[in-house]
Protein backbone atom coordinates (compact mmCIF):
# COMPACT_ATOMS: atom_id res chain seq x y z
CA MET A 1 -0.30 0.16 13.61
CA ALA A 2 -2.50 3.15 12.89
CA ASP A 3 -6.17 2.90 12.03
CA PHE A 4 -7.14 2.10 8.46
CA ASP A 5 -10.36 1.90 6.47
CA GLU A 6 -9.61 -0.91 4.01
CA GLU A 7 -7.15 -3.77 3.89
CA LEU A 8 -5.53 -5.28 0.81
CA ASP A 9 -3.62 -8.54 1.13
CA ALA A 10 -1.18 -8.74 -1.79
CA SER A 11 0.89 -11.56 -0.24
CA GLY A 12 2.47 -13.85 -2.82
CA LEU A 13 2.08 -11.32 -5.62
CA ASN A 14 5.11 -9.90 -7.40
CA CYS A 15 5.67 -6.49 -8.91
CA PRO A 16 3.67 -4.80 -10.37
CA LEU A 17 0.59 -6.60 -9.03
CA PRO A 18 0.63 -5.19 -5.46
CA ILE A 19 0.78 -1.66 -6.89
CA LEU A 20 -1.97 -2.32 -9.44
CA ARG A 21 -4.26 -3.83 -6.79
CA ALA A 22 -3.53 -0.92 -4.43
CA LYS A 23 -4.30 1.58 -7.18
CA LYS A 24 -7.66 -0.11 -7.78
CA ALA A 25 -8.45 -0.29 -4.05
CA LEU A 26 -7.54 3.39 -3.54
CA ALA A 27 -9.76 4.40 -6.46
CA ALA A 28 -12.74 2.97 -4.58
CA LEU A 29 -11.92 4.90 -1.39
CA ASP A 30 -12.96 8.42 -0.50
CA SER A 31 -10.32 11.10 -0.08
CA GLY A 32 -8.64 10.95 3.35
CA LYS A 33 -9.32 7.23 3.82
CA VAL A 34 -6.41 4.91 4.64
CA LEU A 35 -5.54 1.66 2.87
CA HIS A 36 -3.46 -1.01 4.64
CA ILE A 37 -1.50 -3.15 2.19
CA ILE A 38 0.25 -6.40 3.08
CA ALA A 39 2.86 -7.62 0.60
CA THR A 40 5.61 -10.24 0.51
CA ASP A 41 7.61 -8.85 -2.44
CA PRO A 42 10.72 -7.03 -1.07
CA GLY A 43 10.61 -4.77 -4.14
CA SER A 44 7.27 -3.41 -2.97
CA VAL A 45 9.03 -1.13 -0.46
CA LYS A 46 10.58 1.01 -3.20
CA ASP A 47 7.51 0.54 -5.41
CA PHE A 48 5.11 2.01 -2.86
CA GLU A 49 7.47 4.92 -2.11
CA ALA A 50 7.56 5.77 -5.82
CA PHE A 51 3.82 5.15 -6.19
CA SER A 52 3.05 7.61 -3.39
CA LYS A 53 5.26 10.31 -4.91
CA GLN A 54 3.75 9.83 -8.37
CA THR A 55 0.11 9.73 -7.27
CA GLY A 56 0.20 12.28 -4.44
CA ASN A 57 -1.22 9.72 -1.99
CA GLU A 58 0.55 9.86 1.36
CA LEU A 59 2.62 6.88 2.52
CA LEU A 60 1.93 7.02 6.27
CA GLU A 61 3.81 3.90 7.24
CA SER A 62 6.10 1.31 5.69
CA LYS A 63 7.43 -1.55 7.79
CA GLU A 64 8.56 -5.16 7.61
CA GLU A 65 7.28 -7.67 10.11
CA GLY A 66 7.83 -11.41 10.00
CA GLY A 67 8.75 -11.47 6.32
CA LYS A 68 5.74 -9.40 5.33
CA PHE A 69 5.71 -5.76 4.34
CA HIS A 70 2.99 -3.47 5.65
CA PHE A 71 2.07 -0.13 4.11
CA LEU A 72 -0.47 2.49 5.10
CA ILE A 73 -1.42 4.84 2.30
CA LYS A 74 -3.76 7.77 2.78
CA LYS A 75 -5.76 8.72 -0.30
CA ALA A 76 -5.15 12.29 -1.43
């Protein structure tokens, strides 16, 4: 996994909470910083793809590992 600046563990949370928490976490980061999100909601894969398109933040990585979903989002 690539380097990241902040980590957000949204395990156990269902849509839309992982997105809302990520939005808040990204707001606190400087431009160019990377947020690593861990989620357990399978719907979060499509949610974070849509979120990235809508917000202009770059989805660097999206993968599933051991029943958890990992996302790396770079703040625009």
